[in-house]
N, C-alpha and C. Protein backbone atom coordinates (compact mmCIF):
# COMPACT_ATOMS: atom_id res chain seq x y z
N MET A 1 -13.69 14.94 -1.23
CA MET A 1 -13.29 13.37 -1.50
C MET A 1 -11.98 13.51 -2.09
N LEU A 2 -10.83 12.85 -1.88
CA LEU A 2 -9.61 12.85 -2.53
C LEU A 2 -9.52 11.87 -3.51
N THR A 3 -9.08 12.10 -4.46
CA THR A 3 -8.83 11.04 -5.62
C THR A 3 -7.43 11.49 -6.34
N LEU A 4 -7.15 10.34 -7.01
CA LEU A 4 -5.65 10.26 -7.52
C LEU A 4 -5.71 9.83 -8.93
N SER A 5 -6.64 10.64 -9.94
CA SER A 5 -6.62 10.41 -11.15
C SER A 5 -6.62 8.93 -11.53
N LEU A 6 -7.09 8.23 -11.04
CA LEU A 6 -7.15 6.57 -11.50
C LEU A 6 -8.54 6.44 -12.18
N GLN A 7 -14.50 3.98 -6.75
CA GLN A 7 -15.59 3.64 -6.61
C GLN A 7 -15.40 2.44 -5.31
N LYS A 8 -16.75 1.89 -4.29
CA LYS A 8 -16.70 1.29 -3.20
C LYS A 8 -16.44 -0.28 -3.45
N PRO A 9 -15.67 -0.98 -2.76
CA PRO A 9 -15.36 -2.60 -3.02
C PRO A 9 -16.69 -3.21 -3.12
N ASP A 10 -16.61 -4.10 -4.18
CA ASP A 10 -17.84 -4.91 -4.38
C ASP A 10 -17.55 -6.42 -3.76
N ALA A 11 -16.61 -6.69 -2.88
CA ALA A 11 -16.63 -7.97 -2.38
C ALA A 11 -16.35 -7.94 -1.04
N ALA A 12 -17.06 -8.88 -0.15
CA ALA A 12 -16.72 -8.92 1.18
C ALA A 12 -15.43 -9.58 1.50
N PRO A 13 -14.78 -9.44 2.58
CA PRO A 13 -13.57 -10.03 3.01
C PRO A 13 -13.75 -11.66 3.05
N VAL A 14 -12.88 -12.27 2.57
CA VAL A 14 -13.03 -13.86 2.91
C VAL A 14 -11.85 -14.46 3.81
N ARG A 15 -10.89 -13.89 3.63
CA ARG A 15 -9.89 -14.55 4.38
C ARG A 15 -8.93 -13.42 5.12
N ARG A 16 -8.57 -13.80 6.17
CA ARG A 16 -7.52 -12.77 7.01
C ARG A 16 -6.26 -13.22 7.24
N LEU A 17 -5.43 -12.19 7.28
CA LEU A 17 -4.03 -12.43 7.76
C LEU A 17 -3.90 -12.74 9.22
N THR A 18 -2.89 -13.40 9.52
CA THR A 18 -2.76 -13.59 11.18
C THR A 18 -1.12 -12.97 11.38
N LEU A 19 -1.09 -12.01 11.96
CA LEU A 19 0.32 -11.45 12.32
C LEU A 19 0.50 -11.07 13.66
N SER A 20 1.82 -11.07 14.25
CA SER A 20 1.94 -10.65 15.42
C SER A 20 1.92 -9.17 15.76
N LEU A 21 1.75 -8.72 16.81
CA LEU A 21 1.71 -7.41 17.15
C LEU A 21 3.05 -7.05 17.62
N SER A 22 3.71 -5.65 17.09
CA SER A 22 5.03 -5.46 17.52
C SER A 22 4.94 -3.94 17.98
N LYS A 23 5.26 -3.53 19.20
CA LYS A 23 5.23 -2.21 19.53
C LYS A 23 6.67 -1.67 19.32
N GLY A 24 6.52 -0.49 18.71
CA GLY A 24 7.94 0.27 18.36
C GLY A 24 7.42 1.45 17.27
N ALA A 25 8.52 1.81 16.62
CA ALA A 25 8.46 3.14 16.01
C ALA A 25 8.59 2.97 14.40
N ARG A 26 9.19 1.84 14.04
CA ARG A 26 9.74 1.61 12.64
C ARG A 26 9.08 0.21 12.16
N PHE A 27 8.58 0.32 11.11
CA PHE A 27 8.06 -0.87 10.31
C PHE A 27 8.34 -0.84 9.00
N SER A 28 8.70 -2.06 8.32
CA SER A 28 8.86 -2.22 6.85
C SER A 28 7.74 -3.12 6.23
N VAL A 29 7.33 -2.53 5.04
CA VAL A 29 6.38 -3.84 4.31
C VAL A 29 7.16 -3.88 2.89
N LYS A 30 7.66 -5.18 2.74
CA LYS A 30 8.48 -5.45 1.43
C LYS A 30 7.51 -6.35 0.63
N VAL A 31 7.36 -6.04 -0.76
CA VAL A 31 6.69 -6.81 -1.50
C VAL A 31 7.73 -7.38 -2.65
N GLU A 32 7.39 -8.73 -2.91
CA GLU A 32 8.01 -9.25 -4.00
C GLU A 32 7.34 -10.16 -4.69
N TRP A 33 7.27 -10.07 -6.24
CA TRP A 33 6.50 -10.82 -6.99
C TRP A 33 7.17 -11.54 -8.32
N ASP A 34 6.88 -12.50 -8.75
CA ASP A 34 7.17 -12.99 -10.15
C ASP A 34 5.99 -13.29 -11.08
N CYS A 35 5.78 -12.73 -12.22
CA CYS A 35 4.48 -12.76 -13.02
C CYS A 35 4.83 -14.10 -13.63
N LYS A 36 3.56 -14.34 -14.00
CA LYS A 36 3.37 -15.67 -14.95
C LYS A 36 3.69 -15.29 -16.22
N ALA A 37 4.20 -16.28 -17.12
CA ALA A 37 4.65 -15.98 -18.44
C ALA A 37 3.86 -15.30 -19.35
N ASP A 38 2.47 -15.40 -19.22
CA ASP A 38 1.52 -14.78 -20.21
C ASP A 38 1.04 -13.40 -19.36
N HIS A 39 1.60 -12.97 -18.48
CA HIS A 39 0.97 -11.79 -17.71
C HIS A 39 2.08 -10.82 -17.45
N GLN A 40 1.71 -9.44 -17.53
CA GLN A 40 2.78 -8.49 -17.09
C GLN A 40 2.02 -7.60 -16.03
N ASP A 41 2.17 -7.93 -14.85
CA ASP A 41 1.52 -7.31 -13.69
C ASP A 41 2.34 -6.62 -12.75
N ASP A 42 1.62 -5.54 -12.36
CA ASP A 42 2.45 -4.53 -11.47
C ASP A 42 1.86 -4.64 -9.88
N VAL A 43 2.69 -4.77 -9.15
CA VAL A 43 2.25 -4.95 -7.59
C VAL A 43 2.72 -3.88 -6.87
N ASP A 44 1.84 -2.92 -6.14
CA ASP A 44 2.28 -1.76 -5.48
C ASP A 44 1.79 -1.66 -3.81
N VAL A 45 2.52 -1.32 -3.12
CA VAL A 45 2.31 -1.03 -1.59
C VAL A 45 1.85 0.46 -1.39
N HIS A 46 0.88 0.72 -0.43
CA HIS A 46 0.62 2.18 -0.24
C HIS A 46 0.27 2.12 1.23
N ALA A 47 0.42 3.59 1.91
CA ALA A 47 0.14 3.69 3.06
C ALA A 47 -0.53 5.23 3.28
N LEU A 48 -1.43 5.45 4.32
CA LEU A 48 -1.90 6.65 4.64
C LEU A 48 -1.59 7.17 5.94
N GLU A 49 -1.44 8.38 6.02
CA GLU A 49 -1.28 9.19 7.55
C GLU A 49 -2.67 9.65 7.64
N ALA A 50 -3.31 8.84 8.52
CA ALA A 50 -4.77 9.19 8.98
C ALA A 50 -4.96 9.50 10.45
N VAL A 51 -6.08 10.13 10.70
CA VAL A 51 -6.51 10.51 12.08
C VAL A 51 -7.85 9.76 12.41
N ASN A 52 -7.75 9.13 13.67
CA ASN A 52 -8.88 8.44 13.77
C ASN A 52 -9.57 9.05 15.37
N SER A 53 -10.58 9.77 15.24
CA SER A 53 -10.80 10.50 16.60
C SER A 53 -12.08 9.74 16.96
N GLY A 54 -12.25 8.48 16.59
CA GLY A 54 -13.38 7.56 17.06
C GLY A 54 -14.31 7.29 16.14
N HIS A 55 -14.24 8.07 15.13
CA HIS A 55 -15.21 7.58 13.75
C HIS A 55 -14.63 7.14 12.61
N GLY A 56 -13.58 6.42 12.80
CA GLY A 56 -12.71 5.79 11.67
C GLY A 56 -11.74 6.61 11.12
N ALA A 57 -10.79 6.04 10.80
CA ALA A 57 -9.37 6.50 10.16
C ALA A 57 -9.98 7.72 8.90
N LYS A 58 -9.26 8.75 9.01
CA LYS A 58 -9.68 9.76 7.96
C LYS A 58 -8.44 10.51 7.40
N VAL A 59 -8.32 10.67 6.26
CA VAL A 59 -7.28 11.25 5.55
C VAL A 59 -7.83 12.60 4.81
N THR A 60 -7.03 13.79 5.36
CA THR A 60 -7.62 15.08 4.77
C THR A 60 -6.63 15.60 3.72
N ALA A 61 -5.57 15.29 3.56
CA ALA A 61 -4.76 15.98 2.49
C ALA A 61 -4.05 15.03 1.47
N LEU A 62 -3.78 15.17 0.37
CA LEU A 62 -3.32 14.51 -0.64
C LEU A 62 -1.80 14.22 -0.02
N GLU A 63 -1.13 15.17 0.70
CA GLU A 63 0.39 14.92 0.93
C GLU A 63 0.46 13.77 2.05
N GLY A 64 -0.67 13.35 2.57
CA GLY A 64 -0.59 12.28 3.52
C GLY A 64 -0.75 10.84 2.92
N ILE A 65 -0.78 10.82 1.55
CA ILE A 65 -0.83 9.41 0.80
C ILE A 65 0.20 9.08 0.20
N LEU A 66 0.89 8.02 0.73
CA LEU A 66 2.01 7.36 0.22
C LEU A 66 1.71 6.39 -0.91
N SER A 67 1.71 6.68 -2.19
CA SER A 67 1.37 5.76 -3.22
C SER A 67 2.07 6.39 -4.32
N THR A 68 2.29 5.12 -5.32
CA THR A 68 3.07 5.63 -6.61
C THR A 68 1.97 6.61 -7.42
N TYR A 69 0.93 6.50 -7.40
CA TYR A 69 -0.07 7.15 -8.03
C TYR A 69 0.15 8.76 -7.58
N ASN A 70 0.60 8.91 -6.49
CA ASN A 70 0.56 10.30 -6.00
C ASN A 70 2.03 11.10 -5.98
N THR A 71 2.69 10.62 -7.02
CA THR A 71 3.87 11.34 -7.25
C THR A 71 3.90 12.03 -8.68
N THR A 72 4.93 12.94 -8.53
CA THR A 72 4.83 13.91 -9.61
C THR A 72 5.58 13.17 -10.76
N ARG A 73 6.30 12.20 -10.52
CA ARG A 73 6.78 11.40 -11.82
C ARG A 73 5.65 10.64 -12.42
N MET A 74 4.73 10.01 -11.59
CA MET A 74 3.67 9.43 -12.07
C MET A 74 2.45 9.98 -12.66
N SER A 75 2.44 11.09 -12.03
CA SER A 75 1.07 11.92 -12.43
C SER A 75 1.23 13.37 -12.12
N ARG A 76 0.49 14.19 -13.18
CA ARG A 76 1.04 15.47 -13.02
C ARG A 76 0.26 16.20 -11.97
N THR A 77 -0.56 15.78 -11.41
CA THR A 77 -1.21 15.93 -10.08
C THR A 77 -0.69 15.64 -8.73
N GLY A 78 0.16 14.72 -9.08
CA GLY A 78 0.84 14.01 -7.61
C GLY A 78 1.24 15.18 -6.74
N ALA A 79 1.25 14.65 -5.37
CA ALA A 79 1.45 15.70 -4.37
C ALA A 79 2.92 15.20 -3.73
N LEU A 80 3.44 14.16 -3.94
CA LEU A 80 4.69 13.89 -3.63
C LEU A 80 5.95 13.82 -4.47
N LYS A 81 6.97 14.39 -4.20
CA LYS A 81 8.23 14.76 -5.01
C LYS A 81 8.99 13.21 -5.07
N THR A 82 9.26 12.99 -6.32
CA THR A 82 10.02 11.83 -6.54
C THR A 82 11.49 12.06 -6.38
N ASN A 83 12.36 11.50 -5.89
CA ASN A 83 13.64 11.73 -5.94
C ASN A 83 14.57 11.14 -7.13
N PRO A 84 15.71 11.47 -7.40
CA PRO A 84 16.28 11.10 -8.50
C PRO A 84 16.61 9.46 -8.50
N ASP A 85 16.64 8.75 -7.36
CA ASP A 85 16.81 7.44 -7.46
C ASP A 85 15.39 6.60 -7.18
N GLY A 86 14.30 7.29 -7.62
CA GLY A 86 12.81 6.90 -7.72
C GLY A 86 12.29 6.85 -6.37
N SER A 87 12.89 7.04 -5.32
CA SER A 87 12.29 6.84 -4.10
C SER A 87 11.36 8.02 -3.76
N PHE A 88 10.42 8.11 -2.82
CA PHE A 88 9.61 9.20 -2.36
C PHE A 88 9.01 9.05 -1.23
N ALA A 89 8.53 10.04 -0.52
CA ALA A 89 8.08 10.08 0.85
C ALA A 89 6.96 11.07 1.05
N THR A 90 6.47 11.15 2.25
CA THR A 90 5.47 12.08 2.46
C THR A 90 6.35 13.26 3.15
N PRO A 91 5.76 14.51 3.02
CA PRO A 91 6.60 15.66 3.65
C PRO A 91 6.96 15.43 5.10
N SER A 92 6.29 14.74 5.79
CA SER A 92 6.67 14.59 7.32
C SER A 92 7.96 13.59 7.32
N GLY A 93 8.18 12.78 6.49
CA GLY A 93 9.11 11.77 6.40
C GLY A 93 8.61 10.36 7.07
N GLY A 94 7.64 10.48 7.74
CA GLY A 94 6.97 9.20 8.30
C GLY A 94 6.71 8.11 7.41
N LEU A 95 6.34 8.31 6.12
CA LEU A 95 6.12 7.36 5.33
C LEU A 95 7.15 7.63 4.01
N SER A 96 7.73 6.34 3.80
CA SER A 96 8.83 6.60 2.45
C SER A 96 8.56 5.21 1.68
N HIS A 97 8.97 5.47 0.42
CA HIS A 97 8.87 4.13 -0.64
C HIS A 97 10.27 4.12 -1.29
N SER A 98 10.81 2.86 -1.49
CA SER A 98 12.10 2.66 -2.14
C SER A 98 11.84 3.14 -3.53
N GLY A 99 10.79 3.14 -4.07
CA GLY A 99 10.55 3.45 -5.62
C GLY A 99 9.87 2.35 -6.28
N ASP A 100 8.98 2.93 -7.32
CA ASP A 100 8.19 1.86 -8.13
C ASP A 100 8.89 1.02 -8.93
N ILE A 101 8.48 -0.13 -9.24
CA ILE A 101 9.23 -1.12 -10.06
C ILE A 101 8.03 -1.71 -11.01
N ARG A 102 8.39 -1.77 -12.15
CA ARG A 102 7.32 -2.20 -13.26
C ARG A 102 7.70 -3.13 -14.24
N VAL A 103 8.94 -3.51 -13.88
CA VAL A 103 9.45 -4.59 -14.90
C VAL A 103 9.21 -5.98 -14.81
N GLN A 104 8.66 -6.69 -15.81
CA GLN A 104 8.36 -8.21 -15.51
C GLN A 104 9.50 -8.92 -14.91
N GLY A 105 9.30 -9.98 -13.72
CA GLY A 105 10.19 -10.78 -13.40
C GLY A 105 10.14 -10.73 -11.85
N SER A 106 11.30 -11.07 -11.25
CA SER A 106 11.31 -10.94 -9.77
C SER A 106 11.47 -9.55 -9.43
N GLN A 107 10.45 -9.20 -8.60
CA GLN A 107 10.41 -7.71 -8.12
C GLN A 107 10.39 -7.43 -6.66
N ALA A 108 10.75 -6.45 -6.28
CA ALA A 108 10.93 -6.09 -4.78
C ALA A 108 10.73 -4.51 -4.61
N GLU A 109 9.82 -3.96 -3.80
CA GLU A 109 9.42 -2.76 -3.16
C GLU A 109 9.54 -2.73 -1.89
N VAL A 110 9.89 -1.60 -1.01
CA VAL A 110 9.97 -1.54 0.46
C VAL A 110 9.32 -0.27 0.91
N LEU A 111 8.27 -0.31 1.47
CA LEU A 111 7.55 0.81 2.15
C LEU A 111 7.93 0.72 3.60
N THR A 112 8.27 2.01 4.21
CA THR A 112 8.71 2.06 5.54
C THR A 112 8.01 3.11 6.16
N VAL A 113 7.47 2.72 7.56
CA VAL A 113 6.68 3.57 8.37
C VAL A 113 7.67 4.03 9.39
N ASP A 114 7.80 5.11 9.64
CA ASP A 114 8.58 5.61 10.88
C ASP A 114 7.77 6.52 11.75
N GLY A 115 7.09 5.77 12.89
CA GLY A 115 6.07 6.48 13.72
C GLY A 115 6.55 8.00 14.49
N SER A 116 7.87 7.94 14.54
CA SER A 116 8.60 9.12 15.19
C SER A 116 8.42 10.26 14.45
N LYS A 117 8.35 10.20 13.00
CA LYS A 117 8.45 11.31 12.07
C LYS A 117 6.88 11.75 11.59
N VAL A 118 5.81 10.86 11.80
CA VAL A 118 4.65 11.45 11.37
C VAL A 118 4.09 12.68 12.03
N PRO A 119 3.31 13.44 11.42
CA PRO A 119 2.59 14.72 11.95
C PRO A 119 1.99 14.41 13.37
N PRO A 120 1.97 15.27 14.16
CA PRO A 120 1.38 14.92 15.79
C PRO A 120 0.13 14.36 15.62
N ALA A 121 -0.75 14.67 14.84
CA ALA A 121 -2.15 14.43 14.86
C ALA A 121 -2.53 12.92 14.33
N VAL A 122 -1.40 12.41 13.67
CA VAL A 122 -1.70 11.07 12.99
C VAL A 122 -1.54 10.02 14.04
N ASN A 123 -2.49 9.18 13.95
CA ASN A 123 -2.56 7.99 14.88
C ASN A 123 -3.01 6.63 14.35
N GLU A 124 -3.28 6.53 13.03
CA GLU A 124 -3.41 5.25 12.31
C GLU A 124 -2.87 5.48 11.01
N ILE A 125 -2.15 4.35 10.66
CA ILE A 125 -1.59 4.27 9.05
C ILE A 125 -1.88 3.09 8.41
N PRO A 126 -3.14 3.14 7.80
CA PRO A 126 -3.32 1.73 7.07
C PRO A 126 -2.53 1.36 5.83
N LEU A 127 -2.15 0.23 5.71
CA LEU A 127 -1.28 -0.40 4.79
C LEU A 127 -2.25 -1.06 3.66
N PHE A 128 -1.69 -1.04 2.51
CA PHE A 128 -2.47 -1.59 1.35
C PHE A 128 -1.56 -2.15 0.15
N ALA A 129 -1.94 -3.30 -0.40
CA ALA A 129 -1.41 -3.83 -1.56
C ALA A 129 -2.36 -3.83 -2.62
N THR A 130 -1.91 -3.40 -4.02
CA THR A 130 -2.68 -3.69 -5.11
C THR A 130 -1.93 -4.21 -6.37
N VAL A 131 -2.74 -4.71 -7.28
CA VAL A 131 -2.09 -5.19 -8.40
C VAL A 131 -2.96 -4.88 -9.54
N HIS A 132 -2.34 -4.60 -10.62
CA HIS A 132 -3.04 -4.10 -11.89
C HIS A 132 -2.07 -4.65 -13.13
N LYS A 133 -2.45 -4.66 -14.44
CA LYS A 133 -1.55 -4.99 -15.47
C LYS A 133 -0.65 -3.87 -15.76
N ALA A 134 0.67 -4.23 -15.88
CA ALA A 134 1.72 -3.13 -15.82
C ALA A 134 1.58 -2.27 -17.10
N ASP A 135 1.96 -1.14 -16.94
CA ASP A 135 2.11 0.15 -17.83
C ASP A 135 3.27 0.56 -18.12
N HIS A 136 3.77 0.40 -19.16
CA HIS A 136 5.15 0.84 -19.80
C HIS A 136 5.28 2.15 -20.10
N GLY A 137 4.30 2.83 -19.93
CA GLY A 137 4.54 4.26 -20.44
C GLY A 137 5.23 5.01 -19.45
N GLU A 138 5.19 6.44 -19.42
CA GLU A 138 5.81 7.22 -18.47
C GLU A 138 5.08 7.36 -17.23
N GLY A 139 3.69 7.13 -17.06
CA GLY A 139 2.89 7.44 -15.88
C GLY A 139 1.80 6.23 -15.87
N HIS A 140 1.03 6.40 -14.35
CA HIS A 140 0.00 5.49 -14.23
C HIS A 140 -1.38 5.96 -14.92
N GLU A 141 -1.34 7.07 -15.54
CA GLU A 141 -2.83 7.44 -15.83
C GLU A 141 -3.59 6.77 -16.31
N ASP A 142 -3.30 5.70 -17.22
CA ASP A 142 -4.01 5.08 -18.15
C ASP A 142 -4.13 3.66 -17.82
N GLU A 143 -3.60 3.23 -16.50
CA GLU A 143 -3.67 1.79 -16.27
C GLU A 143 -4.69 1.24 -15.58
N HIS A 144 -6.11 1.86 -15.51
CA HIS A 144 -7.22 1.51 -14.71
C HIS A 144 -8.27 1.40 -15.86
N ASP A 145 -8.12 1.50 -16.93
CA ASP A 145 -9.13 1.18 -17.82
C ASP A 145 -10.09 -0.18 -17.81
N ASP A 146 -10.95 -0.37 -18.72
CA ASP A 146 -11.82 -1.53 -18.53
C ASP A 146 -11.12 -2.93 -19.05
N ASP A 147 -9.99 -2.69 -19.78
CA ASP A 147 -9.17 -3.87 -20.19
C ASP A 147 -8.16 -3.97 -19.52
N ASP A 148 -7.95 -3.52 -18.22
CA ASP A 148 -6.79 -3.56 -17.28
C ASP A 148 -6.86 -4.09 -16.18
N GLU A 149 -7.89 -5.12 -16.30
CA GLU A 149 -8.20 -5.71 -14.89
C GLU A 149 -7.07 -6.75 -14.59
N ALA A 150 -6.81 -7.12 -13.49
CA ALA A 150 -5.70 -7.86 -13.01
C ALA A 150 -6.11 -8.53 -11.35
N ALA A 151 -5.67 -9.70 -11.16
CA ALA A 151 -6.04 -10.19 -9.71
C ALA A 151 -4.84 -10.79 -9.32
N PHE A 152 -4.51 -10.92 -8.01
CA PHE A 152 -3.51 -11.62 -7.25
C PHE A 152 -3.01 -12.99 -7.60
N ALA A 153 -4.12 -13.81 -8.33
CA ALA A 153 -4.07 -15.01 -8.85
C ALA A 153 -3.10 -14.96 -10.07
N ASP A 154 -3.32 -13.83 -10.62
CA ASP A 154 -2.52 -13.93 -12.14
C ASP A 154 -0.99 -13.98 -11.75
N ILE A 155 -0.66 -13.98 -10.81
CA ILE A 155 0.98 -13.82 -10.59
C ILE A 155 1.24 -15.19 -9.80
N ASP A 156 2.61 -15.72 -10.16
CA ASP A 156 3.04 -17.10 -9.75
C ASP A 156 3.08 -16.81 -8.22
N ILE A 157 4.00 -15.99 -7.80
CA ILE A 157 4.30 -15.57 -6.45
C ILE A 157 4.21 -14.02 -5.97
N CYS A 158 3.52 -13.83 -5.08
CA CYS A 158 3.40 -12.40 -4.51
C CYS A 158 3.53 -12.42 -3.08
N VAL A 159 4.59 -12.17 -2.58
CA VAL A 159 4.99 -12.33 -1.04
C VAL A 159 5.19 -11.03 -0.36
N VAL A 160 4.55 -10.80 0.71
CA VAL A 160 4.59 -9.61 1.35
C VAL A 160 5.16 -9.83 2.88
N THR A 161 6.49 -9.11 3.19
CA THR A 161 6.98 -9.46 4.38
C THR A 161 7.00 -8.09 5.27
N ILE A 162 6.33 -8.32 6.51
CA ILE A 162 6.24 -7.20 7.35
C ILE A 162 7.13 -7.43 8.74
N SER A 163 8.05 -6.64 8.74
CA SER A 163 8.94 -6.42 9.80
C SER A 163 8.95 -5.36 10.69
N ASP A 164 9.34 -5.60 12.00
CA ASP A 164 9.56 -4.35 12.89
C ASP A 164 10.74 -3.60 13.05
N ASP A 165 11.00 -2.56 13.78
CA ASP A 165 12.36 -1.77 13.73
C ASP A 165 13.54 -2.55 14.20
N SER A 166 13.39 -3.95 14.76
CA SER A 166 14.40 -4.72 15.02
C SER A 166 14.91 -5.53 13.81
N GLY A 167 14.11 -5.65 12.80
CA GLY A 167 14.28 -6.57 11.67
C GLY A 167 13.67 -8.03 12.06
N ARG A 168 12.93 -8.22 13.06
CA ARG A 168 12.16 -9.35 13.35
C ARG A 168 10.88 -9.38 12.33
N VAL A 169 10.64 -10.49 11.82
CA VAL A 169 9.76 -10.69 10.55
C VAL A 169 8.58 -11.18 11.35
N LEU A 170 7.23 -10.29 11.20
CA LEU A 170 6.13 -10.35 11.89
C LEU A 170 5.13 -11.21 11.17
N GLY A 171 5.41 -11.20 9.78
CA GLY A 171 4.62 -12.05 9.19
C GLY A 171 4.95 -12.19 7.53
N LYS A 172 4.87 -13.28 6.99
CA LYS A 172 5.31 -13.27 5.55
C LYS A 172 4.28 -14.02 4.88
N TYR A 173 3.55 -13.38 3.72
CA TYR A 173 2.35 -13.99 3.03
C TYR A 173 2.31 -14.14 1.98
N GLN A 174 1.53 -15.07 1.08
CA GLN A 174 1.56 -15.31 0.01
C GLN A 174 0.06 -14.83 -0.72
N LEU A 175 -0.02 -13.43 -1.12
CA LEU A 175 -1.18 -12.80 -1.61
C LEU A 175 -1.81 -13.69 -2.82
N SER A 176 -0.93 -14.14 -3.64
CA SER A 176 -1.52 -14.78 -4.92
C SER A 176 -2.42 -16.01 -4.43
N ASP A 177 -2.10 -16.70 -3.25
CA ASP A 177 -2.86 -17.96 -2.59
C ASP A 177 -4.01 -17.56 -1.76
N GLU A 178 -3.57 -16.53 -0.78
CA GLU A 178 -4.64 -16.17 -0.06
C GLU A 178 -5.70 -15.17 -0.27
N PHE A 179 -5.15 -14.41 -1.43
CA PHE A 179 -6.16 -13.35 -1.85
C PHE A 179 -6.07 -13.37 -3.51
N GLY A 180 -6.28 -14.50 -4.06
CA GLY A 180 -5.98 -14.77 -5.30
C GLY A 180 -7.09 -13.92 -6.22
N GLU A 181 -8.29 -13.95 -5.74
CA GLU A 181 -9.47 -13.33 -6.51
C GLU A 181 -9.61 -11.74 -6.55
N PHE A 182 -8.67 -11.19 -5.61
CA PHE A 182 -8.86 -9.70 -5.51
C PHE A 182 -7.72 -9.01 -6.08
N ASN A 183 -7.92 -7.95 -6.20
CA ASN A 183 -6.84 -6.96 -6.76
C ASN A 183 -6.48 -5.95 -5.59
N VAL A 184 -6.91 -5.74 -4.37
CA VAL A 184 -6.75 -4.99 -3.44
C VAL A 184 -6.81 -5.65 -2.19
N VAL A 185 -5.72 -5.44 -1.37
CA VAL A 185 -5.81 -6.11 -0.01
C VAL A 185 -5.35 -5.09 1.08
N GLN A 186 -6.18 -4.72 2.21
CA GLN A 186 -5.66 -4.07 3.24
C GLN A 186 -4.98 -4.83 4.18
N LEU A 187 -3.59 -4.84 4.32
CA LEU A 187 -2.91 -5.78 5.17
C LEU A 187 -3.09 -5.58 6.53
N GLY A 188 -2.88 -4.24 6.84
CA GLY A 188 -3.24 -4.08 8.24
C GLY A 188 -3.25 -2.61 8.58
N THR A 189 -2.83 -2.15 9.83
CA THR A 189 -2.87 -0.79 10.20
C THR A 189 -1.73 -0.69 11.25
N VAL A 190 -0.82 0.21 11.02
CA VAL A 190 0.09 0.74 12.15
C VAL A 190 -0.66 1.78 13.25
N MET A 191 -0.92 1.39 14.55
CA MET A 191 -1.82 2.24 15.16
C MET A 191 -0.83 2.89 16.26
N LEU A 192 -0.92 4.05 16.92
CA LEU A 192 -0.70 4.45 18.08
C LEU A 192 -1.27 4.08 19.29
N ALA A 193 -0.51 3.27 20.11
CA ALA A 193 -1.13 2.60 21.17
C ALA A 193 -1.47 3.40 22.44
N PRO A 194 -2.22 3.20 23.35
CA PRO A 194 -2.47 4.16 24.38
C PRO A 194 -1.21 4.34 25.38
N SER A 195 -0.02 3.20 25.04
CA SER A 195 1.20 3.41 25.87
C SER A 195 1.92 4.67 25.37
N GLY A 196 1.66 4.90 23.83
CA GLY A 196 2.46 6.03 23.18
C GLY A 196 3.18 5.33 22.16
N GLY A 197 3.36 4.03 22.34
CA GLY A 197 4.07 3.41 21.16
C GLY A 197 3.24 2.81 19.93
N TRP A 198 3.88 2.35 18.98
CA TRP A 198 3.08 2.15 17.77
C TRP A 198 3.09 0.52 17.79
N GLU A 199 2.16 0.04 17.11
CA GLU A 199 1.97 -1.61 16.97
C GLU A 199 1.32 -1.92 15.70
N TYR A 200 1.59 -2.92 15.22
CA TYR A 200 0.80 -3.27 13.94
C TYR A 200 -0.28 -4.14 14.28
N VAL A 201 -1.23 -3.74 13.99
CA VAL A 201 -2.65 -4.52 13.90
C VAL A 201 -3.38 -5.22 12.63
N PRO A 202 -3.18 -6.49 12.42
CA PRO A 202 -3.60 -7.24 11.22
C PRO A 202 -5.00 -6.74 10.85
N VAL A 203 -5.41 -6.76 9.59
CA VAL A 203 -6.70 -6.58 8.89
C VAL A 203 -6.93 -7.85 8.04
N GLY A 204 -6.04 -7.76 6.90
CA GLY A 204 -6.33 -8.83 6.05
C GLY A 204 -7.82 -8.82 5.30
N VAL A 205 -8.07 -7.66 4.47
CA VAL A 205 -9.36 -7.83 3.95
C VAL A 205 -9.08 -7.45 2.34
N GLY A 206 -9.80 -8.30 1.67
CA GLY A 206 -9.43 -8.41 0.00
C GLY A 206 -10.74 -7.52 -0.62
N PHE A 207 -10.24 -6.62 -1.55
CA PHE A 207 -11.23 -5.80 -2.44
C PHE A 207 -11.27 -6.00 -3.80
N LYS A 208 -12.27 -5.79 -4.43
CA LYS A 208 -12.30 -5.71 -6.01
C LYS A 208 -12.42 -4.10 -6.29
N GLY A 209 -11.50 -3.47 -6.90
CA GLY A 209 -11.53 -2.08 -7.14
C GLY A 209 -10.35 -1.45 -7.57
N ASP A 210 -10.15 -0.27 -7.28
CA ASP A 210 -8.80 0.58 -7.61
C ASP A 210 -8.54 1.26 -6.20
N PHE A 211 -7.41 1.94 -6.32
CA PHE A 211 -6.81 2.67 -5.09
C PHE A 211 -7.84 4.00 -4.81
N ASN A 212 -8.54 4.55 -5.73
CA ASN A 212 -9.70 5.40 -5.43
C ASN A 212 -10.69 4.83 -4.45
N ASP A 213 -11.02 3.61 -4.79
CA ASP A 213 -12.02 2.91 -3.87
C ASP A 213 -11.44 2.76 -2.55
N VAL A 214 -10.22 2.54 -2.20
CA VAL A 214 -9.62 2.60 -0.95
C VAL A 214 -9.69 3.98 -0.54
N LEU A 215 -9.36 5.00 -1.13
CA LEU A 215 -9.43 6.41 -0.60
C LEU A 215 -10.93 6.69 -0.22
N GLY A 216 -11.97 6.41 -0.95
CA GLY A 216 -13.24 6.59 -0.61
C GLY A 216 -13.71 6.18 0.70
N HIS A 217 -12.84 5.12 1.33
CA HIS A 217 -13.14 4.79 2.84
C HIS A 217 -12.63 5.76 3.90
N PHE A 218 -11.67 6.55 3.36
CA PHE A 218 -10.72 7.33 4.27
C PHE A 218 -11.06 8.80 4.20
N CYS A 219 -11.88 9.12 3.42
CA CYS A 219 -12.08 10.58 3.26
C CYS A 219 -13.30 11.32 3.70
C-alpha cells in the first residue's frame, strides 16, 4: 500500500457535482479560497495517474501521485521534485501543479492534466480536493494530528473551476456550501474514452479522512 507520511472514509456521499463532459487532451483544475477570520485553513488539489483494467483504478508507484504531500520540498520521502518557482509535476509531465500556497487570504492553485503526456498504460486520472488547518512550518509532516481537523464549511469561499483545453469552463463549484461537512472531495475523473480522446466524468463524493485514506482506495 502506498502512503505519503500523513485510514478508509467514514462518511457516505451525500451530494454530487454536475459537470459537462469534454473530450480533449488537456484540463485544468483551479481552486481559490478565502478563510474565515478565526481560521487558517489550507486547500489542496491532487491527481493520480491510475490504470483501470476493469477492477477499479489503481496506482502502483508514488511517482504517479501528484500531491503537495509527495514533493521533496514538503516531505523527505517525497517522490516528486519541486521546481525553484514552487511548481512540480509527475515524471511523465502528464500531471503538473502550479505550487502549494498556504498563506491565509484569497488563494489560487492550478492543477493541469495533459492526457497526451501520461504514461501509455494510464487510462484514468482521479481528481481530489482536501482541506486541513494550515501549517506554517517547512513541511506538511505534522499537519494531520488529532487537533488539526478542518472541514470545507470552515472556509468562507472555496471555489473549484474545471476547464477544458480550449479554456471553456465545464463547472464552477462552491465546496464550502456543497461539501461543508467534509474535508476530502473527489471532484471527478479524467478518463480515456473508447474513441481515444480524454473526457471529464463527474463524481462529487465527500469523505472525512486524509489523503492516505484516498490512496487506500487506489492501491
